[in-house]
Amino acid sequence: MKKILYILTLVLIIGCKNTSEENDKLQVVTTTTMITDLVKNIGGEYIDVQGLMGAGVDPHLYKASEGDVTKLFNADVIFYNGLHLEGKLVEVFEKMESGDKTQVALADQIDKAGLIGSDYFASNYDPHVWFNIDYFRSFAENVTAVLSEKDPENKDNYLKNYEAYVLKLELLKEEITETIESLPKEQRILVTAHDAFNYFGKAYEFEVVGLQGLSTATEAGVQDVQKLSEFIIEKQVKAIFVESSVPRRTIEALQAAVNSKGHEVVIGGSLYSDALGDPGTDEGTYLGMFRYNVNTIVNSLK
């Protein structure tokens, strides 16, 4: 991190050729894949977007590269999640606050009364807010407002794209609500690798239990595995889930612990938590990711 901050300082002092000088489009940098997908939907052809993180990348552990520093310096606008999700990027963002670029921590704009608190995470709030579709809609509102302010000539286009995307979010809500209602409430127990699905659980009446805490920077110990295995047996949980951005080994260890006690539990599939799927796939979009997760959860727990 010290090396990255040193490079950033040099870039800020010496300056570097900003691509916006050659391109009239607004230059936007995003962090997580969910935010990248959202900004592309709102900005469309009227902006240039560069996402720092790719499919399967864990934002809790992500460290800025030298190339990232250049992208951030050249950006007109930076959109990131906030609430310490991108913990190792915070110092870089703080270093750039003295500049004239616009930095927007989207989750920080949500009313704190609606956030899920935590005594075990640096921000004291669960940062995985995108698993509440209404909160993701607020992301879209803020992105639209910022792009419209920075590029007023295309304000009508951004608003048009926003309205079209919000309609898709509303249709997604209706679809997944219908799917979830097919699963009895007593079977809505979601056991995953880490606590990424609390907002989802609160919205759709799931009891959510993560083997690791809110951040994957913490490691699950033997006692954590044993305690959760007893919970799974007590609740007669049929399936547990790995996550695309978290190593499988912890959930596999949990499965082995449960099975060794005479209760069979299967790995119901891999859920997308802190990152979307591969670009070009349905799961590579926020809408497709959410739909895939719900279908996987419901089909495995029935």
Foldseek 3Di string as FASTA:
>chain_A
DVVLLVLLVVCVVVPDDACCVVPVAAQEEEEALALQQLLCLLCPPRHDYDYPDAFLAQLLPDADDNVNSVSVRNHQEYEYQDLCSNVNCVVVVVSCPVDNHYYYNLNVPDDPVPFDADPPDPSRTQSLQVLQLVSVLSSLVVSLVVSCVVPVVCNVSSVVSSVVVVVLSVVLVVVLLVLLVVADLLLQEAEEQEPQCPNNCVVRVHNYHHLHYSHPVDDRDPVSLLVVLVVCVVSVFAEYEYESNDDPVVVVSSQVNNVVVPRHHYHLYYAYGRHFHHPPDLSSHSSSRSVVRSVSSSVRSD
